[in-house]
Amino acid sequence: VDPLSAEKGFWGSMLGIGEFYYELSVKVAEVCLASRSRNGGIIRVSEVKDILTQRGTKFSFADSKSKSSYSEDDIITSVKKLSKLGSGFRTINVGKAILIVSVPEELDDDHMEVMNVAEDDGNEAYGVVTTDSMERALGWDEERSNRALELLLGKGMVWLDFIAG
């Protein structure tokens, strides 16, 4: 049984959510799963909000004039409700950004540090991390940097770019 497509009343009572968070959780899950192949299952809350707005969903955000509104905080709450299903949905803070992780992989401190380096565009281009940038920012040796990157690469959460020259 797909808990998110089952009758709202049953799962709403099981997860402790009303219709609003039920509908929002379904929309957030759809965005996260649809974008997983391009982002490795890690997406900013603000990007989810933008995608939902672009789709023209029946919801509108708090900065609009509509009666039905929700905020990035509501998206975060809906992800917390989804996490009760044990499906890997959770939020993490990386630098100044709040990200939704939709893969059931547990990230340790080293992996979070890699993501912080990628978030800090003072090291490389935004979203780019190299073993050199980790050495500069974190003081790590090449072995530790490679170990952290290999797990993220193996899980499809990061990609390896080859630069000629």
Protein backbone atom coordinates (compact mmCIF):
# COMPACT_ATOMS: atom_id res chain seq x y z
CA VAL A 1 0.00 0.00 0.00
CA ASP A 2 1.32 3.42 -0.93
CA PRO A 3 0.72 5.45 2.24
CA LEU A 4 0.59 8.74 0.36
CA SER A 5 -2.06 7.57 -2.10
CA ALA A 6 -4.21 5.78 0.48
CA GLU A 7 -7.27 7.34 2.04
CA LYS A 8 -6.40 10.60 3.74
CA GLY A 9 -8.31 9.91 6.96
CA PHE A 10 -6.39 6.76 7.86
CA TRP A 11 -2.89 8.04 7.15
CA GLY A 12 -3.72 11.48 8.42
CA SER A 13 -4.56 9.99 11.79
CA MET A 14 -1.56 7.63 11.73
CA LEU A 15 0.91 10.40 10.90
CA GLY A 16 -0.82 13.11 12.89
CA ILE A 17 -1.42 15.36 9.91
CA GLY A 18 -4.46 17.14 8.60
CA GLU A 19 -5.52 17.55 4.99
CA PHE A 20 -3.30 20.59 4.48
CA TYR A 21 -0.05 18.82 5.41
CA TYR A 22 -1.21 15.63 3.74
CA GLU A 23 -1.66 17.43 0.40
CA LEU A 24 1.55 19.40 0.83
CA SER A 25 3.53 16.27 1.77
CA VAL A 26 2.34 14.52 -1.40
CA LYS A 27 3.36 17.51 -3.55
CA VAL A 28 6.78 17.78 -1.84
CA ALA A 29 7.41 14.04 -2.25
CA GLU A 30 6.49 14.25 -5.95
CA VAL A 31 8.96 17.10 -6.53
CA CYS A 32 11.74 15.35 -4.60
CA LEU A 33 11.30 12.02 -6.38
CA ALA A 34 10.96 13.59 -9.83
CA SER A 35 14.16 15.60 -9.38
CA ARG A 36 16.22 12.82 -7.78
CA SER A 37 17.97 11.84 -11.03
CA ARG A 38 19.39 15.35 -11.46
CA ASN A 39 20.14 16.24 -7.84
CA GLY A 40 20.94 12.91 -6.18
CA GLY A 41 18.02 13.22 -3.78
CA ILE A 42 19.15 16.50 -2.22
CA ILE A 43 17.19 19.66 -2.99
CA ARG A 44 16.83 23.06 -1.35
CA VAL A 45 13.53 23.82 0.35
CA SER A 46 13.42 27.08 -1.61
CA GLU A 47 13.78 25.15 -4.88
CA VAL A 48 10.86 22.89 -3.95
CA LYS A 49 8.79 26.00 -3.25
CA ASP A 50 9.77 27.47 -6.64
CA ILE A 51 8.92 24.25 -8.49
CA LEU A 52 5.52 24.00 -6.81
CA THR A 53 4.83 27.61 -7.74
CA GLN A 54 5.87 27.02 -11.37
CA ARG A 55 3.64 23.95 -11.59
CA GLY A 56 0.67 26.07 -10.68
CA THR A 57 -0.46 23.76 -7.92
CA LYS A 58 -3.68 24.56 -6.12
CA PHE A 59 -1.64 25.92 -3.25
CA SER A 60 -0.11 29.36 -3.23
CA PHE A 61 2.56 30.72 -0.95
CA ALA A 62 2.29 33.16 1.93
CA ASP A 63 3.60 36.06 -0.14
CA SER A 64 0.56 35.92 -2.45
CA LYS A 65 -2.88 37.46 -1.95
CA SER A 66 -4.67 34.09 -1.91
CA LYS A 67 -6.42 32.72 1.17
CA SER A 68 -4.70 29.33 0.93
CA SER A 69 -1.03 29.83 1.69
CA TYR A 70 2.00 28.00 2.98
CA SER A 71 5.60 28.84 3.59
CA GLU A 72 9.00 27.19 3.49
CA ASP A 73 8.39 26.35 7.17
CA ASP A 74 5.26 24.46 6.12
CA ILE A 75 7.34 22.51 3.58
CA ILE A 76 9.83 21.66 6.34
CA THR A 77 6.97 20.51 8.58
CA SER A 78 5.58 18.34 5.78
CA VAL A 79 8.99 16.70 5.34
CA LYS A 80 9.09 15.96 9.08
CA LYS A 81 5.70 14.29 8.69
CA LEU A 82 7.02 12.25 5.72
CA SER A 83 9.99 11.11 7.79
CA LYS A 84 7.58 9.17 10.01
CA LEU A 85 7.12 6.78 7.08
CA GLY A 86 10.80 5.84 7.31
CA SER A 87 11.32 6.59 3.64
CA GLY A 88 14.49 8.64 4.01
CA PHE A 89 12.84 12.08 3.84
CA ARG A 90 14.46 14.59 6.18
CA THR A 91 15.81 18.13 6.25
CA ILE A 92 19.39 19.14 6.93
CA ASN A 93 21.03 22.51 7.42
CA VAL A 94 24.00 23.14 5.17
CA GLY A 95 25.51 26.55 5.56
CA LYS A 96 22.66 29.02 5.23
CA ALA A 97 20.49 26.63 3.22
CA ILE A 98 17.95 24.08 4.36
CA LEU A 99 17.97 21.00 2.17
CA ILE A 100 15.56 18.12 1.80
CA VAL A 101 17.22 14.71 1.57
CA SER A 102 14.96 12.12 -0.05
CA VAL A 103 17.29 9.13 -0.04
CA PRO A 104 17.52 6.68 2.84
CA GLU A 105 21.27 7.20 3.21
CA GLU A 106 22.59 8.40 6.54
CA LEU A 107 25.17 11.17 6.16
CA ASP A 108 27.93 11.38 8.75
CA ASP A 109 29.82 14.50 9.80
CA ASP A 110 32.38 14.16 6.99
CA HIS A 111 29.67 14.05 4.34
CA MET A 112 28.00 17.09 5.86
CA GLU A 113 31.32 18.93 5.81
CA VAL A 114 31.70 18.12 2.09
CA MET A 115 28.26 19.60 1.48
CA ASN A 116 29.19 22.71 3.47
CA VAL A 117 32.28 23.20 1.32
CA ALA A 118 30.15 22.81 -1.83
CA GLU A 119 27.65 25.34 -0.46
CA ASP A 120 30.41 27.91 0.21
CA ASP A 121 31.10 29.52 -3.14
CA GLY A 122 34.25 31.08 -1.72
CA ASN A 123 36.03 27.75 -2.33
CA GLU A 124 35.06 26.92 -5.91
CA ALA A 125 32.09 27.63 -8.14
CA TYR A 126 28.84 27.17 -6.22
CA GLY A 127 28.08 23.47 -5.75
CA VAL A 128 31.57 22.39 -6.74
CA VAL A 129 33.91 20.61 -4.36
CA THR A 130 37.36 19.19 -5.01
CA THR A 131 39.87 17.39 -2.84
CA ASP A 132 41.96 20.59 -3.00
CA SER A 133 39.08 22.74 -1.77
CA MET A 134 38.44 20.29 1.09
CA GLU A 135 42.12 20.40 2.02
CA ARG A 136 42.05 24.22 2.07
CA ALA A 137 38.72 24.55 3.90
CA LEU A 138 38.89 21.57 6.25
CA GLY A 139 42.56 20.64 6.47
CA TRP A 140 41.81 17.09 5.29
CA ASP A 141 44.31 14.87 3.54
CA GLU A 142 43.50 13.40 0.12
CA GLU A 143 42.56 9.97 1.55
CA ARG A 144 39.90 11.36 3.87
CA SER A 145 38.53 13.61 1.13
CA ASN A 146 38.31 10.73 -1.33
CA ARG A 147 36.62 8.46 1.23
CA ALA A 148 33.88 11.02 1.86
CA LEU A 149 33.39 11.71 -1.84
CA GLU A 150 33.31 8.02 -2.81
CA LEU A 151 30.28 7.28 -0.64
CA LEU A 152 28.42 10.32 -1.98
CA LEU A 153 29.41 9.36 -5.53
CA GLY A 154 28.41 5.73 -5.04
CA LYS A 155 24.95 6.75 -3.81
CA GLY A 156 24.43 9.14 -6.73
CA MET A 157 24.36 12.15 -4.44
CA VAL A 158 27.27 13.83 -6.23
CA TRP A 159 28.70 13.57 -9.72
CA LEU A 160 32.24 13.39 -10.96
CA ASP A 161 33.23 15.87 -13.65
CA PHE A 162 36.33 15.31 -15.73
CA ILE A 163 38.00 18.51 -16.83
CA ALA A 164 40.37 18.24 -19.78
CA GLY A 165 43.63 20.10 -19.49
